[in-house]
Protein backbone atom coordinates (compact mmCIF):
# COMPACT_ATOMS: atom_id res chain seq x y z
CA UNK A 1 113.95 96.23 99.41
CA UNK A 2 116.76 95.39 101.66
CA UNK A 3 118.12 91.83 102.36
CA UNK A 4 116.81 92.07 106.05
CA UNK A 5 113.39 93.07 104.91
CA UNK A 6 113.50 89.91 102.29
CA UNK A 7 114.50 87.65 105.10
CA UNK A 8 111.85 88.85 107.51
CA UNK A 9 109.12 88.36 104.80
CA UNK A 10 110.07 84.53 104.75
CA UNK A 11 108.55 82.51 107.65
CA UNK A 12 110.86 80.05 108.90
CA UNK A 13 109.82 76.29 108.97
CA UNK A 14 109.56 76.72 112.72
CA UNK A 15 106.85 79.25 112.23
CA UNK A 16 103.74 76.85 112.00
CA UNK A 17 104.44 75.42 115.40
CA UNK A 18 105.22 78.81 116.96
CA UNK A 19 101.90 79.99 115.63
CA UNK A 20 100.23 76.79 117.03
CA UNK A 21 101.65 77.35 120.42
CA UNK A 22 100.72 80.94 120.50
CA UNK A 23 97.07 80.63 119.48
CA UNK A 24 96.11 77.07 120.72
CA UNK A 25 94.68 78.27 124.00
CA UNK A 26 92.92 81.33 122.56
CA UNK A 27 91.70 80.05 119.11
CA UNK A 28 88.79 82.08 118.29
CA UNK A 29 85.50 80.36 117.05
CA UNK A 30 85.64 80.33 113.22
CA UNK A 31 81.74 80.43 113.01
CA UNK A 32 80.77 83.40 115.26
CA UNK A 33 77.79 83.17 117.35
CA UNK A 34 77.85 86.99 117.41
CA UNK A 35 78.42 87.52 113.85
CA UNK A 36 75.11 89.13 113.18
CA UNK A 37 74.62 90.49 116.61
CA UNK A 38 77.19 92.53 117.61
CA UNK A 39 77.17 96.27 116.29
CA UNK A 40 78.78 99.51 116.57
CA UNK A 41 77.19 100.05 119.89
CA UNK A 42 79.60 97.74 121.47
CA UNK A 43 82.49 100.20 120.38
CA UNK A 44 81.32 103.47 119.60
CA UNK A 45 80.72 104.51 123.16
CA UNK A 46 84.34 103.87 123.91
CA UNK A 47 85.78 106.33 121.32
CA UNK A 48 87.13 109.70 122.01
CA UNK A 49 86.83 112.37 119.35
CA UNK A 50 89.97 112.66 117.13
CA UNK A 51 90.70 116.09 116.45
CA UNK A 52 93.78 116.99 114.47
CA UNK A 53 94.54 113.30 113.83
CA UNK A 54 95.36 111.76 110.50
CA UNK A 55 94.51 108.23 109.36
CA UNK A 56 95.70 106.41 106.18
CA UNK A 57 93.46 103.40 104.80
CA UNK A 58 94.42 101.21 101.87
CA UNK A 59 91.56 100.11 99.69
CA UNK A 60 89.41 102.95 101.41
CA UNK A 61 87.25 103.65 98.42
CA UNK A 62 84.89 100.95 98.63
CA UNK A 63 83.46 98.18 100.87
CA UNK A 64 84.77 97.82 104.46
CA UNK A 65 87.52 100.48 103.95
CA UNK A 66 85.30 103.04 102.84
CA UNK A 67 82.73 102.54 105.64
CA UNK A 68 85.74 102.55 108.18
CA UNK A 69 86.74 105.88 106.79
CA UNK A 70 83.13 107.08 107.33
CA UNK A 71 83.07 105.95 110.91
CA UNK A 72 86.30 107.64 111.49
CA UNK A 73 85.35 110.84 110.11
CA UNK A 74 82.13 110.73 112.06
CA UNK A 75 84.40 110.82 115.11
CA UNK A 76 86.02 114.35 113.91
CA UNK A 77 89.13 112.93 112.37
CA UNK A 78 90.78 115.87 110.77
CA UNK A 79 92.69 114.24 107.84
CA UNK A 80 91.92 111.02 105.99
CA UNK A 81 94.15 109.54 103.11
CA UNK A 82 92.69 107.00 100.89
CA UNK A 83 95.35 104.90 99.32
CA UNK A 84 93.79 103.28 96.14
CA UNK A 85 94.55 101.51 93.12
CA UNK A 86 92.37 103.70 90.86
CA UNK A 87 92.62 107.50 91.58
CA UNK A 88 89.46 108.02 89.71
CA UNK A 89 87.35 105.75 91.79
CA UNK A 90 89.18 106.98 94.76
CA UNK A 91 88.09 110.57 93.82
CA UNK A 92 84.47 109.51 93.56
CA UNK A 93 84.56 108.06 97.12
CA UNK A 94 86.42 111.35 98.26
CA UNK A 95 83.83 113.58 96.74
CA UNK A 96 81.10 111.95 98.80
CA UNK A 97 83.07 111.95 101.98
CA UNK A 98 84.06 115.74 101.48
CA UNK A 99 80.48 116.47 101.12
CA UNK A 100 79.32 114.53 104.20
CA UNK A 101 82.19 115.91 106.25
CA UNK A 102 83.26 119.18 105.07
CA UNK A 103 85.54 120.07 107.97
CA UNK A 104 87.75 117.12 107.22
CA UNK A 105 90.70 116.94 104.69
CA UNK A 106 90.20 113.94 102.46
CA UNK A 107 92.95 112.99 100.23
CA UNK A 108 93.49 110.28 97.49
CA UNK A 109 96.89 108.66 97.00
CA UNK A 110 97.72 106.02 94.33
CA UNK A 111 98.83 102.77 95.39
CA UNK A 112 99.25 99.54 93.26
CA UNK A 113 99.64 96.61 95.84
CA UNK A 114 100.96 94.32 92.83
CA UNK A 115 104.72 94.36 92.89
CA UNK A 116 107.01 96.20 95.00
CA UNK A 117 107.86 99.47 93.00
CA UNK A 118 104.52 101.24 93.82
CA UNK A 119 104.65 100.11 97.51
CA UNK A 120 108.11 101.62 97.89
CA UNK A 121 107.18 104.92 95.92
CA UNK A 122 104.10 105.24 98.16
CA UNK A 123 106.26 104.82 101.22
CA UNK A 124 108.77 107.46 100.06
CA UNK A 125 105.73 109.74 99.60
CA UNK A 126 104.57 109.03 103.23
CA UNK A 127 107.94 109.71 104.47
CA UNK A 128 108.24 113.04 102.54
CA UNK A 129 104.82 113.91 104.27
CA UNK A 130 105.15 112.82 107.71
CA UNK A 131 108.79 111.88 108.30
CA UNK A 132 109.10 109.62 111.33
CA UNK A 133 106.50 109.23 114.10
CA UNK A 134 107.67 112.20 116.04
CA UNK A 135 107.34 114.53 113.12
CA UNK A 136 110.80 115.17 112.20
CA UNK A 137 111.73 118.70 110.67
CA UNK A 138 112.05 119.02 106.87
CA UNK A 139 114.82 120.89 105.03
CA UNK A 140 113.05 124.32 105.92
CA UNK A 141 113.03 123.57 109.59
CA UNK A 142 109.22 123.07 109.55
CA UNK A 143 107.67 120.39 111.71
CA UNK A 144 106.04 117.62 109.74
CA UNK A 145 102.60 116.37 110.48
CA UNK A 146 102.33 113.19 112.16
CA UNK A 147 100.52 110.05 110.69
CA UNK A 148 98.64 108.59 113.70
CA UNK A 149 96.85 105.61 112.39
CA UNK A 150 96.96 103.06 109.36
CA UNK A 151 94.55 100.48 108.29
CA UNK A 152 95.96 98.12 105.81
CA UNK A 153 92.59 96.93 104.25
CA UNK A 154 93.68 96.22 100.47
CA UNK A 155 93.21 92.61 99.59
CA UNK A 156 91.87 90.21 96.70
CA UNK A 157 90.47 86.84 96.15
CA UNK A 158 91.37 85.75 92.43
CA UNK A 159 88.97 83.52 90.65
CA UNK A 160 92.09 81.99 88.73
CA UNK A 161 95.77 81.57 89.17
CA UNK A 162 97.52 84.72 87.88
CA UNK A 163 101.14 85.61 88.33
CA UNK A 164 102.20 89.27 89.28
CA UNK A 165 103.95 90.61 86.17
CA UNK A 166 106.69 92.24 88.20
CA UNK A 167 107.50 89.69 90.69
CA UNK A 168 106.32 86.17 89.17
CA UNK A 169 104.51 85.51 92.64
CA UNK A 170 100.91 84.27 92.63
CA UNK A 171 98.88 87.57 92.51
CA UNK A 172 96.79 86.66 95.58
CA UNK A 173 99.79 86.02 97.71
CA UNK A 174 101.64 89.10 96.16
CA UNK A 175 98.83 91.34 97.20
CA UNK A 176 97.58 89.80 100.57
CA UNK A 177 101.00 88.96 101.89
CA UNK A 178 104.24 90.11 100.27
CA UNK A 179 102.96 93.77 99.60
CA UNK A 180 100.91 94.08 102.62
CA UNK A 181 103.45 93.03 105.10
CA UNK A 182 106.31 94.83 103.16
CA UNK A 183 104.16 98.00 103.54
CA UNK A 184 103.59 97.19 107.18
CA UNK A 185 107.32 96.89 108.02
CA UNK A 186 108.17 100.22 106.31
CA UNK A 187 105.33 102.16 107.89
CA UNK A 188 106.22 101.09 111.55
CA UNK A 189 109.05 103.59 111.72
CA UNK A 190 106.94 106.34 110.52
CA UNK A 191 103.94 105.66 112.95
CA UNK A 192 106.46 105.08 116.07
CA UNK A 193 106.40 107.77 118.69
CA UNK A 194 109.17 108.22 121.25
CA UNK A 195 108.85 112.03 122.33
CA UNK A 196 106.92 113.77 125.11
CA UNK A 197 104.59 116.64 124.90
CA UNK A 198 105.36 120.16 125.79
CA UNK A 199 103.63 119.30 129.25
CA UNK A 200 106.02 116.26 129.69
CA UNK A 201 103.32 113.62 128.80
CA UNK A 202 104.06 110.78 126.60
CA UNK A 203 102.57 110.99 123.05
CA UNK A 204 100.04 108.43 122.28
CA UNK A 205 101.53 105.48 120.38
CA UNK A 206 101.00 105.28 116.53
CA UNK A 207 98.48 102.56 115.46
CA UNK A 208 98.78 99.95 112.61
CA UNK A 209 95.87 97.38 111.93
CA UNK A 210 96.30 94.80 109.43
CA UNK A 211 93.13 93.34 108.06
CA UNK A 212 93.18 89.56 108.32
CA UNK A 213 90.51 86.69 108.34
CA UNK A 214 89.33 84.26 110.92
CA UNK A 215 88.79 81.98 108.15
CA UNK A 216 92.60 80.86 108.29
CA UNK A 217 91.74 78.58 111.26
CA UNK A 218 89.32 76.39 109.30
CA UNK A 219 89.94 77.35 105.67
CA UNK A 220 93.58 77.38 105.22
CA UNK A 221 94.59 73.73 104.89
CA UNK A 222 97.86 74.47 103.19
CA UNK A 223 98.15 71.61 101.06
CA UNK A 224 101.56 72.51 100.00
CA UNK A 225 102.99 72.68 103.43
CA UNK A 226 105.45 69.93 102.73
CA UNK A 227 106.73 71.55 99.58
CA UNK A 228 110.20 73.00 99.63
CA UNK A 229 110.82 75.91 99.35
CA UNK A 230 107.50 76.53 100.89
CA UNK A 231 106.90 80.08 99.65
CA UNK A 232 108.02 79.23 96.13
CA UNK A 233 105.33 76.58 95.95
CA UNK A 234 102.52 79.03 96.04
CA UNK A 235 103.68 80.36 92.71
CA UNK A 236 103.55 76.87 91.09
CA UNK A 237 100.85 77.07 88.32
CA UNK A 238 97.83 74.61 88.93
CA UNK A 239 97.62 71.19 87.12
CA UNK A 240 95.22 68.46 86.54
CA UNK A 241 96.16 66.74 89.68
CA UNK A 242 96.29 70.11 91.67
CA UNK A 243 93.82 72.44 90.44
CA UNK A 244 93.60 76.07 91.53
CA UNK A 245 91.38 76.45 94.72
CA UNK A 246 90.13 80.08 95.18
CA UNK A 247 89.10 79.81 98.74
CA UNK A 248 92.27 77.85 99.76
CA UNK A 249 94.69 80.20 98.13
CA UNK A 250 92.85 83.20 99.82
CA UNK A 251 92.91 81.81 103.09
CA UNK A 252 96.37 80.41 102.69
CA UNK A 253 97.71 83.95 101.96
CA UNK A 254 96.02 85.25 105.07
CA UNK A 255 97.66 82.30 106.99
CA UNK A 256 101.00 83.40 105.66
CA UNK A 257 100.37 86.74 107.32
CA UNK A 258 99.46 85.15 110.44
CA UNK A 259 102.72 82.99 110.49
CA UNK A 260 104.82 85.99 109.51
CA UNK A 261 103.19 88.32 112.14
CA UNK A 262 104.42 85.89 114.86
CA UNK A 263 107.95 86.11 113.51
CA UNK A 264 107.72 89.95 113.14
CA UNK A 265 106.86 90.57 116.90
CA UNK A 266 110.41 90.45 118.28
CA UNK A 267 111.51 93.19 115.85
CA UNK A 268 108.55 95.68 116.57
CA UNK A 269 108.98 98.65 119.00
CA UNK A 270 107.09 98.34 122.05
CA UNK A 271 103.41 99.02 122.39
CA UNK A 272 104.02 102.43 124.25
CA UNK A 273 105.58 103.49 120.80
CA UNK A 274 103.28 101.79 118.22
CA UNK A 275 100.53 99.43 118.54
CA UNK A 276 100.23 96.66 115.59
CA UNK A 277 97.49 94.18 115.49
CA UNK A 278 95.43 91.97 113.04
CA UNK A 279 91.79 92.27 112.83
CA UNK A 280 89.04 90.07 111.30
CA UNK A 281 85.91 92.11 110.13
CA UNK A 282 83.80 88.83 109.94
CA UNK A 283 81.70 87.74 107.10
CA UNK A 284 80.29 90.65 105.63
CA UNK A 285 77.55 91.45 102.92
CA UNK A 286 78.33 93.77 100.05
CA UNK A 287 82.09 93.35 100.04
CA UNK A 288 83.95 93.42 96.67
CA UNK A 289 86.46 90.91 97.82
CA UNK A 290 84.93 87.87 96.20
CA UNK A 291 83.89 89.72 92.93
CA UNK A 292 86.20 87.59 90.88
CA UNK A 293 84.88 84.43 92.24
CA UNK A 294 83.15 82.29 89.66
CA UNK A 295 80.71 79.17 89.55
CA UNK A 296 80.12 77.27 92.64
CA UNK A 297 82.56 79.45 94.76
CA UNK A 298 80.78 82.61 93.98
CA UNK A 299 77.48 81.13 94.88
CA UNK A 300 78.87 79.86 98.09
CA UNK A 301 80.05 83.24 98.86
CA UNK A 302 76.90 84.86 98.01
CA UNK A 303 74.62 82.55 100.07
CA UNK A 304 76.94 82.74 102.99
CA UNK A 305 76.99 86.58 103.08
CA UNK A 306 73.23 86.67 102.71
CA UNK A 307 72.36 84.21 105.58
CA UNK A 308 75.18 85.02 108.07
CA UNK A 309 76.83 88.36 106.81
CA UNK A 310 77.25 91.43 108.77
CA UNK A 311 76.56 94.67 107.18
CA UNK A 312 79.52 96.77 105.77
CA UNK A 313 78.71 99.34 108.52
CA UNK A 314 79.01 96.90 111.38
CA UNK A 315 81.85 95.07 109.80
CA UNK A 316 83.87 98.23 109.53
CA UNK A 317 83.41 99.16 113.15
CA UNK A 318 85.65 96.07 113.79
CA UNK A 319 88.37 98.14 111.92
CA UNK A 320 87.66 101.17 113.99
CA UNK A 321 87.60 99.22 117.32
CA UNK A 322 91.11 97.62 116.55
CA UNK A 323 92.90 100.92 115.48
CA UNK A 324 91.14 103.14 118.08
CA UNK A 325 89.34 101.58 121.04
CA UNK A 326 91.79 98.67 121.84
CA UNK A 327 94.84 99.63 123.64
CA UNK A 328 98.36 98.31 124.26
CA UNK A 329 96.89 94.91 125.31
CA UNK A 330 96.02 94.25 121.57
CA UNK A 331 99.70 94.80 120.39
CA UNK A 332 100.94 91.78 118.51
CA UNK A 333 97.44 90.01 118.76
CA UNK A 334 94.47 88.92 116.42
CA UNK A 335 91.27 90.82 117.10
CA UNK A 336 87.93 88.92 116.08
CA UNK A 337 84.37 89.68 117.38
CA UNK A 338 85.72 92.77 119.44
CA UNK A 339 87.76 90.39 121.35
CA UNK A 340 91.58 90.17 121.69
CA UNK A 341 93.21 86.71 121.02
CA UNK A 342 96.92 86.63 122.17
């Protein structure tokens, strides 16, 4: 990882204020009135068929990622890459997708979001397959395929404080923040398009959607906000006076992503070349995100999902809406309930 990349991943102390200024006039409701009412009918009619397009989804073998994959394949996506931690589980999901969508090419690539070695190796594989967004030639002078869309869906909520063995960071923060946004930074040049077609038309911009959570506006209290250095304080083991809070750490990791996203915007190419946004799928039944929660936290999530949760199918349509239906107006923005919040 380069020094500049390391610096970019560290939000400045001014970031919180910048984030508040940017979102205060468009702050979404944290409890959506349309959480169980809005469905794919609001978005499916807007989609064009996506022949000869390629999409990569991290954590695409289960839950929302898997259902987003199914939705995209139903739109005639020609190639799908499931980037997963367990290749065996990825192949199980891929077999079903290949059976149901036999015309599509469905692949499984291994990606471990803990630490950086796997992330960097994964990006090198993507570069080897796709080059840059314009499909640069390989050593044999052959044109590489283009990667059109990426959904960074992989995430976790830990039941207890665990440090990543490679980096020493809190594992939840490592996966949801450090590794996710490192991957985002490194994929942007691959997704970027600057060329025109043979007919003189500008190629469509690449698309990168990062899964976040609307819960950051109410659930991320950041009790360590006064600690210096701020990011290092997330790696401090819990104590009797400061016990580990499962929900706070999850939403805190997502809040770091929001804060960093504001800092990242000036470095991104224009929306005409690549569109990057954040999306909240809403509270959804059947996700595996909270599988490690225990006790009261587990019961709270279970009841909340049962009462107010969307189905996985409907939640996954928010991903597809963000990465396909929304246009340049969504670049650098947070999407929630099919709306764009700038």
